[in-house]
Amino acid sequence: MSSLFGLIHLVIVCGTFLLTAFMVCLALPQSPFQNFVVKVAGWVLVALCGLYCISPIDVLPEAALGPAGLIDDVGALILAIAAARQAKQASERQRAKA
């Protein structure tokens, strides 16, 4: 049992180290890694927002709230548009450096 806890401790320590290194790389100014992560994360967020809008599961269901239930879908669309703009700007910055 102690070996299981030792393994869990090792995973937590290594994960914390990797997460810290990842965050430091993202915080560096003009980092190509930052542009890449913003670009990929932006398009993933756009896809997730799109899936949320078409999914039958809602935070504010339209069936119960009528038109007011569309508020969360509009918020998801606004978030998707903002994420797409950031991802596009990151792509343009990356293209300009090349």
Protein backbone atom coordinates (compact mmCIF):
# COMPACT_ATOMS: atom_id res chain seq x y z
CA MET A 1 0.00 0.00 0.00
CA SER A 2 2.85 2.38 0.74
CA SER A 3 4.25 1.79 -2.76
CA LEU A 4 0.93 3.00 -4.20
CA PHE A 5 1.12 6.18 -2.13
CA GLY A 6 4.75 6.60 -3.16
CA LEU A 7 3.73 6.33 -6.82
CA ILE A 8 0.92 8.84 -6.32
CA HIS A 9 3.35 11.21 -4.60
CA LEU A 10 5.83 10.85 -7.47
CA VAL A 11 3.12 11.55 -10.06
CA ILE A 12 1.98 14.65 -8.16
CA VAL A 13 5.53 15.99 -7.77
CA CYS A 14 6.44 15.36 -11.43
CA GLY A 15 3.11 16.75 -12.62
CA THR A 16 3.61 19.89 -10.56
CA PHE A 17 7.10 20.34 -11.99
CA LEU A 18 5.88 19.86 -15.57
CA LEU A 19 2.94 22.21 -15.06
CA THR A 20 5.24 24.86 -13.61
CA ALA A 21 7.66 24.52 -16.54
CA PHE A 22 4.72 24.72 -18.97
CA MET A 23 3.40 27.90 -17.32
CA VAL A 24 6.86 29.52 -17.33
CA CYS A 25 7.24 28.77 -21.04
CA LEU A 26 3.83 30.33 -21.69
CA ALA A 27 4.74 33.44 -19.69
CA LEU A 28 7.90 34.17 -21.68
CA PRO A 29 7.41 37.20 -23.92
CA GLN A 30 7.39 36.49 -27.66
CA SER A 31 7.61 32.76 -27.06
CA PRO A 32 6.87 30.62 -30.13
CA PHE A 33 5.51 28.02 -27.73
CA GLN A 34 3.02 30.60 -26.45
CA ASN A 35 1.74 31.31 -29.97
CA PHE A 36 1.40 27.58 -30.64
CA VAL A 37 -0.52 26.89 -27.43
CA VAL A 38 -2.81 29.89 -27.90
CA LYS A 39 -3.51 28.78 -31.47
CA VAL A 40 -4.27 25.16 -30.59
CA ALA A 41 -6.19 25.95 -27.41
CA GLY A 42 -8.20 28.60 -29.23
CA TRP A 43 -9.38 26.22 -31.93
CA VAL A 44 -10.11 23.50 -29.37
CA LEU A 45 -12.20 26.01 -27.42
CA VAL A 46 -14.06 27.00 -30.59
CA ALA A 47 -14.88 23.34 -31.23
CA LEU A 48 -16.02 22.78 -27.64
CA CYS A 49 -18.24 25.87 -27.72
CA GLY A 50 -19.77 24.68 -30.97
CA LEU A 51 -20.46 21.27 -29.49
CA TYR A 52 -22.02 22.89 -26.43
CA CYS A 53 -24.36 24.98 -28.58
CA ILE A 54 -25.66 21.96 -30.49
CA SER A 55 -25.75 19.54 -27.56
CA PRO A 56 -29.07 18.81 -25.87
CA ILE A 57 -27.49 19.35 -22.44
CA ASP A 58 -27.63 22.98 -21.32
CA VAL A 59 -26.94 24.95 -18.17
CA LEU A 60 -30.05 27.01 -18.92
CA PRO A 61 -32.45 24.72 -20.83
CA GLU A 62 -34.59 26.31 -23.51
CA ALA A 63 -37.46 23.90 -22.80
CA ALA A 64 -37.86 25.22 -19.26
CA LEU A 65 -36.92 28.87 -19.73
CA GLY A 66 -38.03 29.58 -23.28
CA PRO A 67 -36.04 32.26 -25.10
CA ALA A 68 -34.15 33.13 -21.90
CA GLY A 69 -32.58 29.68 -22.11
CA LEU A 70 -30.58 30.85 -25.12
CA ILE A 71 -28.43 33.14 -22.95
CA ASP A 72 -25.84 30.43 -22.25
CA ASP A 73 -25.69 29.50 -25.94
CA VAL A 74 -25.12 33.13 -26.90
CA GLY A 75 -22.37 33.31 -24.27
CA ALA A 76 -20.75 30.19 -25.73
CA LEU A 77 -20.88 31.71 -29.21
CA ILE A 78 -19.30 34.94 -27.98
CA LEU A 79 -16.55 32.91 -26.29
CA ALA A 80 -16.01 30.92 -29.50
CA ILE A 81 -15.69 34.10 -31.57
CA ALA A 82 -13.19 35.59 -29.11
CA ALA A 83 -11.16 32.36 -29.04
CA ALA A 84 -11.15 32.17 -32.84
CA ARG A 85 -9.90 35.76 -33.07
CA GLN A 86 -7.08 35.05 -30.61
CA ALA A 87 -6.13 31.85 -32.45
CA LYS A 88 -6.13 33.69 -35.78
CA GLN A 89 -3.94 36.46 -34.37
CA ALA A 90 -1.51 33.85 -32.97
CA SER A 91 -1.36 32.20 -36.41
CA GLU A 92 -0.65 35.55 -38.06
CA ARG A 93 2.11 36.34 -35.53
CA GLN A 94 3.65 32.93 -36.16
CA ARG A 95 3.46 33.43 -39.93
CA ALA A 96 4.99 36.92 -39.67
CA LYS A 97 8.02 35.58 -37.80
CA ALA A 98 8.67 32.88 -40.39
